[in-house]
C-alpha atoms as a PDB file:
ATOM      1  CA  MET A   1    -163.952-192.727  52.153  1.00  0.00           C
ATOM      2  CA  GLN A   2    -163.270-192.145  48.861  1.00  0.00           C
ATOM      3  CA  PRO A   3    -160.580-189.945  47.792  1.00  0.00           C
ATOM      4  CA  GLN A   4    -161.878-187.111  46.114  1.00  0.00           C
ATOM      5  CA  LEU A   5    -162.032-183.189  46.068  1.00  0.00           C
ATOM      6  CA  GLU A   6    -164.812-180.966  48.215  1.00  0.00           C
ATOM      7  CA  GLN A   7    -166.238-177.582  48.078  1.00  0.00           C
ATOM      8  CA  SER A   8    -167.511-175.174  49.567  1.00  0.00           C
ATOM      9  CA  LEU A   9    -169.150-170.916  48.869  1.00  0.00           C
ATOM     10  CA  THR A  10    -169.798-168.822  51.677  1.00  0.00           C
ATOM     11  CA  GLU A  11    -169.714-165.315  51.762  1.00  0.00           C
ATOM     12  CA  GLY A  12    -168.076-165.354  48.474  1.00  0.00           C
ATOM     13  CA  VAL A  13    -164.442-166.904  49.036  1.00  0.00           C
ATOM     14  CA  ALA A  14    -164.594-171.333  47.230  1.00  0.00           C
ATOM     15  CA  THR A  15    -162.548-172.961  48.984  1.00  0.00           C
ATOM     16  CA  VAL A  16    -161.900-176.812  47.064  1.00  0.00           C
ATOM     17  CA  VAL A  17    -160.747-179.736  49.349  1.00  0.00           C
ATOM     18  CA  ILE A  18    -157.750-182.250  48.301  1.00  0.00           C
ATOM     19  CA  SER A  19    -159.698-185.003  50.191  1.00  0.00           C
ATOM     20  CA  ASN A  20    -157.617-188.501  50.213  1.00  0.00           C
ATOM     21  CA  PRO A  21    -156.628-188.787  53.925  1.00  0.00           C
ATOM     22  CA  ALA A  22    -155.152-192.292  53.550  1.00  0.00           C
ATOM     23  CA  LYS A  23    -152.656-191.476  51.472  1.00  0.00           C
ATOM     24  CA  ARG A  24    -151.133-187.514  53.157  1.00  0.00           C
ATOM     25  CA  ASN A  25    -153.829-186.203  50.565  1.00  0.00           C
ATOM     26  CA  ALA A  26    -152.725-187.681  47.610  1.00  0.00           C
ATOM     27  CA  MET A  27    -154.170-186.805  44.173  1.00  0.00           C
ATOM     28  CA  THR A  28    -155.608-189.713  42.032  1.00  0.00           C
ATOM     29  CA  SER A  29    -155.940-189.411  38.389  1.00  0.00           C
ATOM     30  CA  ALA A  30    -159.435-189.197  38.984  1.00  0.00           C
ATOM     31  CA  MET A  31    -159.009-185.814  40.643  1.00  0.00           C
ATOM     32  CA  TRP A  32    -156.932-184.150  38.686  1.00  0.00           C
ATOM     33  CA  ARG A  33    -158.875-184.650  35.788  1.00  0.00           C
ATOM     34  CA  ALA A  34    -162.012-183.357  38.077  1.00  0.00           C
ATOM     35  CA  LEU A  35    -160.044-180.249  39.164  1.00  0.00           C
ATOM     36  CA  PRO A  36    -160.226-178.535  35.481  1.00  0.00           C
ATOM     37  CA  PRO A  37    -163.856-179.191  35.466  1.00  0.00           C
ATOM     38  CA  LEU A  38    -164.731-177.755  38.714  1.00  0.00           C
ATOM     39  CA  LEU A  39    -162.346-174.481  38.609  1.00  0.00           C
ATOM     40  CA  ASP A  40    -164.130-173.715  34.879  1.00  0.00           C
ATOM     41  CA  THR A  41    -167.776-174.205  37.504  1.00  0.00           C
ATOM     42  CA  LEU A  42    -166.443-171.952  39.816  1.00  0.00           C
ATOM     43  CA  ALA A  43    -164.975-169.292  38.234  1.00  0.00           C
ATOM     44  CA  ALA A  44    -168.577-168.810  36.246  1.00  0.00           C
ATOM     45  CA  ASP A  45    -169.987-168.283  39.598  1.00  0.00           C
ATOM     46  CA  PRO A  46    -170.897-164.458  40.079  1.00  0.00           C
ATOM     47  CA  ASP A  47    -170.631-165.353  44.009  1.00  0.00           C
ATOM     48  CA  VAL A  48    -167.390-166.696  43.719  1.00  0.00           C
ATOM     49  CA  ARG A  49    -165.173-163.854  44.669  1.00  0.00           C
ATOM     50  CA  ALA A  50    -161.679-165.980  45.631  1.00  0.00           C
ATOM     51  CA  LEU A  51    -160.669-169.635  45.861  1.00  0.00           C
ATOM     52  CA  VAL A  52    -158.390-170.907  48.777  1.00  0.00           C
ATOM     53  CA  LEU A  53    -157.429-174.048  47.845  1.00  0.00           C
ATOM     54  CA  THR A  54    -156.173-176.417  50.775  1.00  0.00           C
ATOM     55  CA  GLY A  55    -155.866-180.061  52.450  1.00  0.00           C
ATOM     56  CA  ALA A  56    -158.096-182.228  54.821  1.00  0.00           C
ATOM     57  CA  GLY A  57    -157.302-182.536  58.076  1.00  0.00           C
ATOM     58  CA  ASP A  58    -153.576-181.326  58.839  1.00  0.00           C
ATOM     59  CA  THR A  59    -151.524-181.759  55.326  1.00  0.00           C
ATOM     60  CA  PHE A  60    -151.759-180.309  52.634  1.00  0.00           C
ATOM     61  CA  CYS A  61    -151.136-183.048  49.348  1.00  0.00           C
ATOM     62  CA  ALA A  62    -148.020-185.617  48.889  1.00  0.00           C
ATOM     63  CA  GLY A  63    -148.466-185.450  45.288  1.00  0.00           C
ATOM     64  CA  ALA A  64    -149.464-187.474  42.989  1.00  0.00           C
ATOM     65  CA  ASP A  65    -150.638-190.925  44.238  1.00  0.00           C
ATOM     66  CA  ILE A  66    -148.449-193.567  42.763  1.00  0.00           C
ATOM     67  CA  SER A  67    -150.756-196.519  42.716  1.00  0.00           C
ATOM     68  CA  THR A  68    -152.008-194.636  39.804  1.00  0.00           C
ATOM     69  CA  LEU A  69    -149.909-194.097  38.014  1.00  0.00           C
ATOM     70  CA  ARG A  70    -149.837-196.861  35.826  1.00  0.00           C
ATOM     71  CA  GLU A  71    -153.402-196.824  35.174  1.00  0.00           C
ATOM     72  CA  PRO A  72    -154.782-197.059  31.533  1.00  0.00           C
ATOM     73  CA  GLY A  73    -155.131-193.600  29.659  1.00  0.00           C
ATOM     74  CA  ASP A  74    -154.129-190.368  30.003  1.00  0.00           C
ATOM     75  CA  ASP A  75    -149.958-189.101  30.772  1.00  0.00           C
ATOM     76  CA  PRO A  76    -150.859-188.478  34.426  1.00  0.00           C
ATOM     77  CA  LYS A  77    -147.849-185.779  34.313  1.00  0.00           C
ATOM     78  CA  MET A  78    -150.174-184.066  31.987  1.00  0.00           C
ATOM     79  CA  LEU A  79    -153.355-184.619  33.262  1.00  0.00           C
ATOM     80  CA  ALA A  80    -151.222-182.596  36.218  1.00  0.00           C
ATOM     81  CA  VAL A  81    -150.375-180.022  33.741  1.00  0.00           C
ATOM     82  CA  ARG A  82    -153.500-179.707  32.952  1.00  0.00           C
ATOM     83  CA  ALA A  83    -154.728-179.167  36.457  1.00  0.00           C
ATOM     84  CA  GLU A  84    -152.455-176.641  37.461  1.00  0.00           C
ATOM     85  CA  GLU A  85    -152.286-175.085  34.223  1.00  0.00           C
ATOM     86  CA  ALA A  86    -156.522-174.137  35.150  1.00  0.00           C
ATOM     87  CA  LEU A  87    -155.631-173.298  38.640  1.00  0.00           C
ATOM     88  CA  ALA A  88    -152.686-170.903  37.312  1.00  0.00           C
ATOM     89  CA  ALA A  89    -156.204-169.562  35.287  1.00  0.00           C
ATOM     90  CA  PHE A  90    -158.794-168.758  37.368  1.00  0.00           C
ATOM     91  CA  PRO A  91    -159.582-165.380  36.823  1.00  0.00           C
ATOM     92  CA  LYS A  92    -160.097-164.414  40.120  1.00  0.00           C
ATOM     93  CA  PRO A  93    -157.388-164.238  43.466  1.00  0.00           C
ATOM     94  CA  THR A  94    -156.020-167.677  44.429  1.00  0.00           C
ATOM     95  CA  LEU A  95    -154.939-168.980  47.618  1.00  0.00           C
ATOM     96  CA  ALA A  96    -153.038-171.989  48.749  1.00  0.00           C
ATOM     97  CA  ALA A  97    -153.604-172.530  52.362  1.00  0.00           C
ATOM     98  CA  VAL A  98    -151.500-175.390  53.340  1.00  0.00           C
ATOM     99  CA  ARG A  99    -150.049-177.547  56.799  1.00  0.00           C
ATOM    100  CA  GLY A 100    -148.257-180.482  56.975  1.00  0.00           C
ATOM    101  CA  HIS A 101    -146.478-182.322  53.485  1.00  0.00           C
ATOM    102  CA  CYS A 102    -146.942-179.555  50.503  1.00  0.00           C
ATOM    103  CA  VAL A 103    -145.309-181.911  47.823  1.00  0.00           C
ATOM    104  CA  GLY A 104    -144.479-182.859  44.291  1.00  0.00           C
ATOM    105  CA  GLY A 105    -148.069-182.331  42.898  1.00  0.00           C
ATOM    106  CA  GLY A 106    -149.151-180.529  45.721  1.00  0.00           C
ATOM    107  CA  SER A 107    -146.194-177.783  45.575  1.00  0.00           C
ATOM    108  CA  GLN A 108    -146.984-177.854  41.284  1.00  0.00           C
ATOM    109  CA  LEU A 109    -150.651-176.959  42.621  1.00  0.00           C
ATOM    110  CA  ALA A 110    -150.091-174.714  45.735  1.00  0.00           C
ATOM    111  CA  ALA A 111    -147.471-172.778  43.008  1.00  0.00           C
ATOM    112  CA  ALA A 112    -150.327-172.300  39.571  1.00  0.00           C
ATOM    113  CA  CYS A 113    -152.292-170.004  42.616  1.00  0.00           C
ATOM    114  CA  ASP A 114    -151.863-166.475  43.105  1.00  0.00           C
ATOM    115  CA  LEU A 115    -150.221-166.716  46.746  1.00  0.00           C
ATOM    116  CA  ARG A 116    -149.866-169.706  49.240  1.00  0.00           C
ATOM    117  CA  PHE A 117    -150.203-169.371  53.429  1.00  0.00           C
ATOM    118  CA  ALA A 118    -148.566-171.470  55.468  1.00  0.00           C
ATOM    119  CA  GLU A 119    -148.733-172.910  58.766  1.00  0.00           C
ATOM    120  CA  GLU A 120    -145.950-173.516  60.709  1.00  0.00           C
ATOM    121  CA  GLY A 121    -144.220-177.317  60.271  1.00  0.00           C
ATOM    122  CA  ALA A 122    -145.209-177.161  56.641  1.00  0.00           C
ATOM    123  CA  LEU A 123    -142.371-178.729  54.501  1.00  0.00           C
ATOM    124  CA  PHE A 124    -142.474-178.260  50.571  1.00  0.00           C
ATOM    125  CA  GLY A 125    -140.564-180.597  48.129  1.00  0.00           C
ATOM    126  CA  VAL A 126    -140.369-180.178  44.468  1.00  0.00           C
ATOM    127  CA  THR A 127    -139.575-184.883  43.941  1.00  0.00           C
ATOM    128  CA  PRO A 128    -139.673-185.772  40.508  1.00  0.00           C
ATOM    129  CA  ALA A 129    -135.086-186.535  40.463  1.00  0.00           C
ATOM    130  CA  LYS A 130    -136.594-189.257  43.578  1.00  0.00           C
ATOM    131  CA  LEU A 131    -138.686-191.378  40.278  1.00  0.00           C
ATOM    132  CA  GLY A 132    -137.129-190.037  37.413  1.00  0.00           C
ATOM    133  CA  ILE A 133    -139.377-188.048  35.752  1.00  0.00           C
ATOM    134  CA  VAL A 134    -138.844-184.818  33.899  1.00  0.00           C
ATOM    135  CA  TYR A 135    -140.569-182.098  35.574  1.00  0.00           C
ATOM    136  CA  PRO A 136    -142.800-180.423  33.243  1.00  0.00           C
ATOM    137  CA  ALA A 137    -141.281-177.317  30.968  1.00  0.00           C
ATOM    138  CA  SER A 138    -144.027-174.530  32.075  1.00  0.00           C
ATOM    139  CA  SER A 139    -144.063-175.767  35.712  1.00  0.00           C
ATOM    140  CA  THR A 140    -140.611-175.448  36.122  1.00  0.00           C
ATOM    141  CA  ARG A 141    -140.877-172.635  34.559  1.00  0.00           C
ATOM    142  CA  ARG A 142    -143.389-171.577  36.879  1.00  0.00           C
ATOM    143  CA  LEU A 143    -141.484-172.630  39.329  1.00  0.00           C
ATOM    144  CA  ALA A 144    -137.951-170.333  38.798  1.00  0.00           C
ATOM    145  CA  ALA A 145    -140.586-167.489  38.660  1.00  0.00           C
ATOM    146  CA  LEU A 146    -141.725-167.632  41.828  1.00  0.00           C
ATOM    147  CA  VAL A 147    -138.601-168.897  43.626  1.00  0.00           C
ATOM    148  CA  GLY A 148    -135.523-167.642  41.051  1.00  0.00           C
ATOM    149  CA  PRO A 149    -133.945-170.285  39.335  1.00  0.00           C
ATOM    150  CA  SER A 150    -131.748-170.794  42.368  1.00  0.00           C
ATOM    151  CA  THR A 151    -133.545-172.154  44.500  1.00  0.00           C
ATOM    152  CA  ALA A 152    -135.673-173.541  41.441  1.00  0.00           C
ATOM    153  CA  LYS A 153    -132.095-175.726  40.815  1.00  0.00           C
ATOM    154  CA  TYR A 154    -131.937-176.648  44.566  1.00  0.00           C
ATOM    155  CA  LEU A 155    -135.866-177.974  45.084  1.00  0.00           C
ATOM    156  CA  LEU A 156    -135.612-180.416  41.839  1.00  0.00           C
ATOM    157  CA  PHE A 157    -132.081-181.350  41.579  1.00  0.00           C
ATOM    158  CA  SER A 158    -131.629-182.509  44.757  1.00  0.00           C
ATOM    159  CA  GLY A 159    -135.579-183.187  45.709  1.00  0.00           C
ATOM    160  CA  GLU A 160    -135.379-182.528  49.330  1.00  0.00           C
ATOM    161  CA  LEU A 161    -138.239-181.048  51.438  1.00  0.00           C
ATOM    162  CA  ILE A 162    -137.428-177.513  53.132  1.00  0.00           C
ATOM    163  CA  ASP A 163    -139.430-175.607  55.710  1.00  0.00           C
ATOM    164  CA  SER A 164    -141.904-173.389  56.015  1.00  0.00           C
ATOM    165  CA  GLU A 165    -138.904-170.687  57.722  1.00  0.00           C
ATOM    166  CA  ARG A 166    -137.235-171.457  54.097  1.00  0.00           C
ATOM    167  CA  ALA A 167    -140.118-171.530  52.385  1.00  0.00           C
ATOM    168  CA  LEU A 168    -140.931-167.976  53.073  1.00  0.00           C
ATOM    169  CA  ARG A 169    -137.772-166.615  52.888  1.00  0.00           C
ATOM    170  CA  THR A 170    -137.184-167.887  48.703  1.00  0.00           C
ATOM    171  CA  GLY A 171    -140.773-166.079  47.888  1.00  0.00           C
ATOM    172  CA  LEU A 172    -142.328-169.872  47.904  1.00  0.00           C
ATOM    173  CA  VAL A 173    -144.675-168.818  50.110  1.00  0.00           C
ATOM    174  CA  ASP A 174    -146.221-165.261  50.965  1.00  0.00           C
ATOM    175  CA  GLU A 175    -146.977-165.541  55.225  1.00  0.00           C
ATOM    176  CA  VAL A 176    -146.249-168.567  57.315  1.00  0.00           C
ATOM    177  CA  LEU A 177    -148.493-168.098  60.519  1.00  0.00           C
ATOM    178  CA  PRO A 178    -148.276-169.780  64.108  1.00  0.00           C
ATOM    179  CA  GLU A 179    -149.882-173.471  64.859  1.00  0.00           C
ATOM    180  CA  GLY A 180    -153.552-172.814  64.647  1.00  0.00           C
ATOM    181  CA  GLU A 181    -153.811-169.357  63.349  1.00  0.00           C
ATOM    182  CA  LEU A 182    -153.299-170.524  59.622  1.00  0.00           C
ATOM    183  CA  ALA A 183    -157.674-170.906  58.995  1.00  0.00           C
ATOM    184  CA  LYS A 184    -158.703-167.739  60.903  1.00  0.00           C
ATOM    185  CA  ARG A 185    -155.910-165.382  58.671  1.00  0.00           C
ATOM    186  CA  VAL A 186    -156.866-167.492  55.479  1.00  0.00           C
ATOM    187  CA  ALA A 187    -160.807-166.564  56.443  1.00  0.00           C
ATOM    188  CA  GLU A 188    -159.233-162.862  57.418  1.00  0.00           C
ATOM    189  CA  PHE A 189    -157.202-162.289  54.296  1.00  0.00           C
ATOM    190  CA  THR A 190    -160.058-163.941  52.133  1.00  0.00           C
ATOM    191  CA  ARG A 191    -162.176-161.361  53.643  1.00  0.00           C
ATOM    192  CA  VAL A 192    -160.428-158.478  52.489  1.00  0.00           C
ATOM    193  CA  LEU A 193    -159.959-159.622  48.681  1.00  0.00           C
ATOM    194  CA  VAL A 194    -163.859-159.987  48.070  1.00  0.00           C
ATOM    195  CA  SER A 195    -164.028-156.538  49.335  1.00  0.00           C
ATOM    196  CA  ARG A 196    -161.495-154.954  47.077  1.00  0.00           C
ATOM    197  CA  SER A 197    -162.955-154.213  43.176  1.00  0.00           C
ATOM    198  CA  GLN A 198    -162.301-157.435  41.148  1.00  0.00           C
ATOM    199  CA  LEU A 199    -161.406-155.223  38.032  1.00  0.00           C
ATOM    200  CA  THR A 200    -158.370-154.312  40.067  1.00  0.00           C
ATOM    201  CA  GLN A 201    -157.769-157.796  40.648  1.00  0.00           C
ATOM    202  CA  ALA A 202    -158.205-159.046  36.997  1.00  0.00           C
ATOM    203  CA  ALA A 203    -155.937-157.177  35.677  1.00  0.00           C
ATOM    204  CA  ALA A 204    -153.665-157.507  38.032  1.00  0.00           C
ATOM    205  CA  LYS A 205    -153.065-161.028  37.811  1.00  0.00           C
ATOM    206  CA  GLU A 206    -153.242-160.996  34.242  1.00  0.00           C
ATOM    207  CA  PHE A 207    -150.343-158.629  33.857  1.00  0.00           C
ATOM    208  CA  ALA A 208    -148.089-159.639  36.924  1.00  0.00           C
ATOM    209  CA  ASP A 209    -148.633-163.404  35.276  1.00  0.00           C
ATOM    210  CA  GLY A 210    -146.926-161.278  31.991  1.00  0.00           C
ATOM    211  CA  ARG A 211    -149.865-160.802  29.915  1.00  0.00           C
ATOM    212  CA  THR A 212    -148.299-157.775  27.232  1.00  0.00           C
ATOM    213  CA  ASP A 213    -151.534-157.478  25.108  1.00  0.00           C
ATOM    214  CA  ARG A 214    -154.578-156.209  26.990  1.00  0.00           C
ATOM    215  CA  ASP A 215    -153.512-153.141  28.049  1.00  0.00           C
ATOM    216  CA  ALA A 216    -156.331-151.121  25.715  1.00  0.00           C
ATOM    217  CA  HIS A 217    -158.754-153.634  26.737  1.00  0.00           C
ATOM    218  CA  TRP A 218    -158.145-152.985  30.694  1.00  0.00           C
ATOM    219  CA  ALA A 219    -158.392-149.211  30.237  1.00  0.00           C
ATOM    220  CA  ALA A 220    -161.396-150.078  28.267  1.00  0.00           C
ATOM    221  CA  GLN A 221    -162.687-151.235  30.947  1.00  0.00           C
ATOM    222  CA  GLU A 222    -161.734-149.248  34.017  1.00  0.00           C
ATOM    223  CA  ARG A 223    -163.625-146.348  31.745  1.00  0.00           C
ATOM    224  CA  GLY A 224    -166.972-148.387  31.234  1.00  0.00           C
ATOM    225  CA  SER A 225    -166.876-150.041  34.983  1.00  0.00           C
ATOM    226  CA  GLY A 226    -168.074-147.019  37.600  1.00  0.00           C
ATOM    227  CA  ASP A 227    -165.625-148.906  39.946  1.00  0.00           C
ATOM    228  CA  THR A 228    -163.286-145.592  40.184  1.00  0.00           C
ATOM    229  CA  ALA A 229    -165.549-143.185  41.057  1.00  0.00           C
ATOM    230  CA  GLU A 230    -167.400-145.848  42.658  1.00  0.00           C
ATOM    231  CA  GLY A 231    -163.987-146.055  45.210  1.00  0.00           C
ATOM    232  CA  VAL A 232    -163.227-142.110  45.328  1.00  0.00           C
ATOM    233  CA  ALA A 233    -166.497-141.801  46.015  1.00  0.00           C
ATOM    234  CA  ALA A 234    -166.348-144.075  49.170  1.00  0.00           C
ATOM    235  CA  PHE A 235    -163.306-142.877  49.873  1.00  0.00           C
ATOM    236  CA  LEU A 236    -164.104-139.238  50.758  1.00  0.00           C
ATOM    237  CA  GLU A 237    -167.164-140.339  51.833  1.00  0.00           C
ATOM    238  CA  ARG A 238    -165.251-142.393  54.251  1.00  0.00           C
ATOM    239  CA  ARG A 239    -167.702-145.836  53.577  1.00  0.00           C
ATOM    240  CA  ALA A 240    -166.911-148.734  52.256  1.00  0.00           C
ATOM    241  CA  PRO A 241    -166.806-149.186  48.290  1.00  0.00           C
ATOM    242  CA  HIS A 242    -169.235-151.112  46.793  1.00  0.00           C
ATOM    243  CA  PHE A 243    -167.659-152.420  43.432  1.00  0.00           C
ATOM    244  CA  THR A 244    -169.720-153.866  40.931  1.00  0.00           C
ATOM    245  CA  TRP A 245    -167.645-154.839  37.911  1.00  0.00           C
ATOM    246  CA  ARG A 246    -167.353-158.731  37.689  1.00  0.00           C
ATOM    247  CA  VAL A 247    -165.230-160.680  35.553  1.00  0.00           C
ATOM    248  CA  SER A 248    -168.476-162.137  32.808  1.00  0.00           C
ATOM    249  CA  SER A 249    -168.758-166.369  33.006  1.00  0.00           C
ATOM    250  CA  LYS A 250    -169.121-165.692  28.852  1.00  0.00           C
ATOM    251  CA  GLU A 251    -166.048-163.941  27.186  1.00  0.00           C
ATOM    252  CA  GLY A 252    -163.190-163.902  30.126  1.00  0.00           C
ATOM    253  CA  PRO A 253    -162.659-160.976  31.941  1.00  0.00           C
ATOM    254  CA  ALA A 254    -165.643-158.316  31.145  1.00  0.00           C
ATOM    255  CA  SER A 255    -168.261-155.892  32.624  1.00  0.00           C
END
């Protein structure tokens, strides 16, 4: 089977699967290049309300496929950064569902998601020190913001792997599930995400990621969206709300 990114869409949730089973789902140069345009397509699809990134089989991603690092063309490190930044900029909620190894570029992608759920037994590592590679500044800052400077330094200085329980304690993952329960929990949680206000989610994502110049924009979106009135009415009437605000494919978040 050729290394590839597989995609599907079910009930508002797009799933992107990293598939390179022969090399524990390591990302080839072609896969790094393919991810940003794939994300652009999914972001523009109004039927997509959330995105799950996972790996084929029993592992998430073992990092970059080292055998492709010497191929001519783009700097492989920059390919990974562009893919990571595209994932971080995805305008709808993103969740990494992690089994097995989540190492190097795999951890880079997982950290770029909004949330990370892991199965017991998953292993996480950031390994550039094993190869003499300078980890990108943007990736280092994202990791430090997620787990704190001390844990980021532990991971980067040593290249050692940590288990799912330590990843949970440090904030690298948000939930750890027993073996066999990850898919069920991810499906359950993404159904919750799809049912909530996309307006709330889009604004919260920008604010939580540190953007400080869009307060007036989001206040205007809230006033004009109808979501608040619908949410209050649904609460009083004891029914599920029907939120209608959507992320615009042309102008970024808009009604």
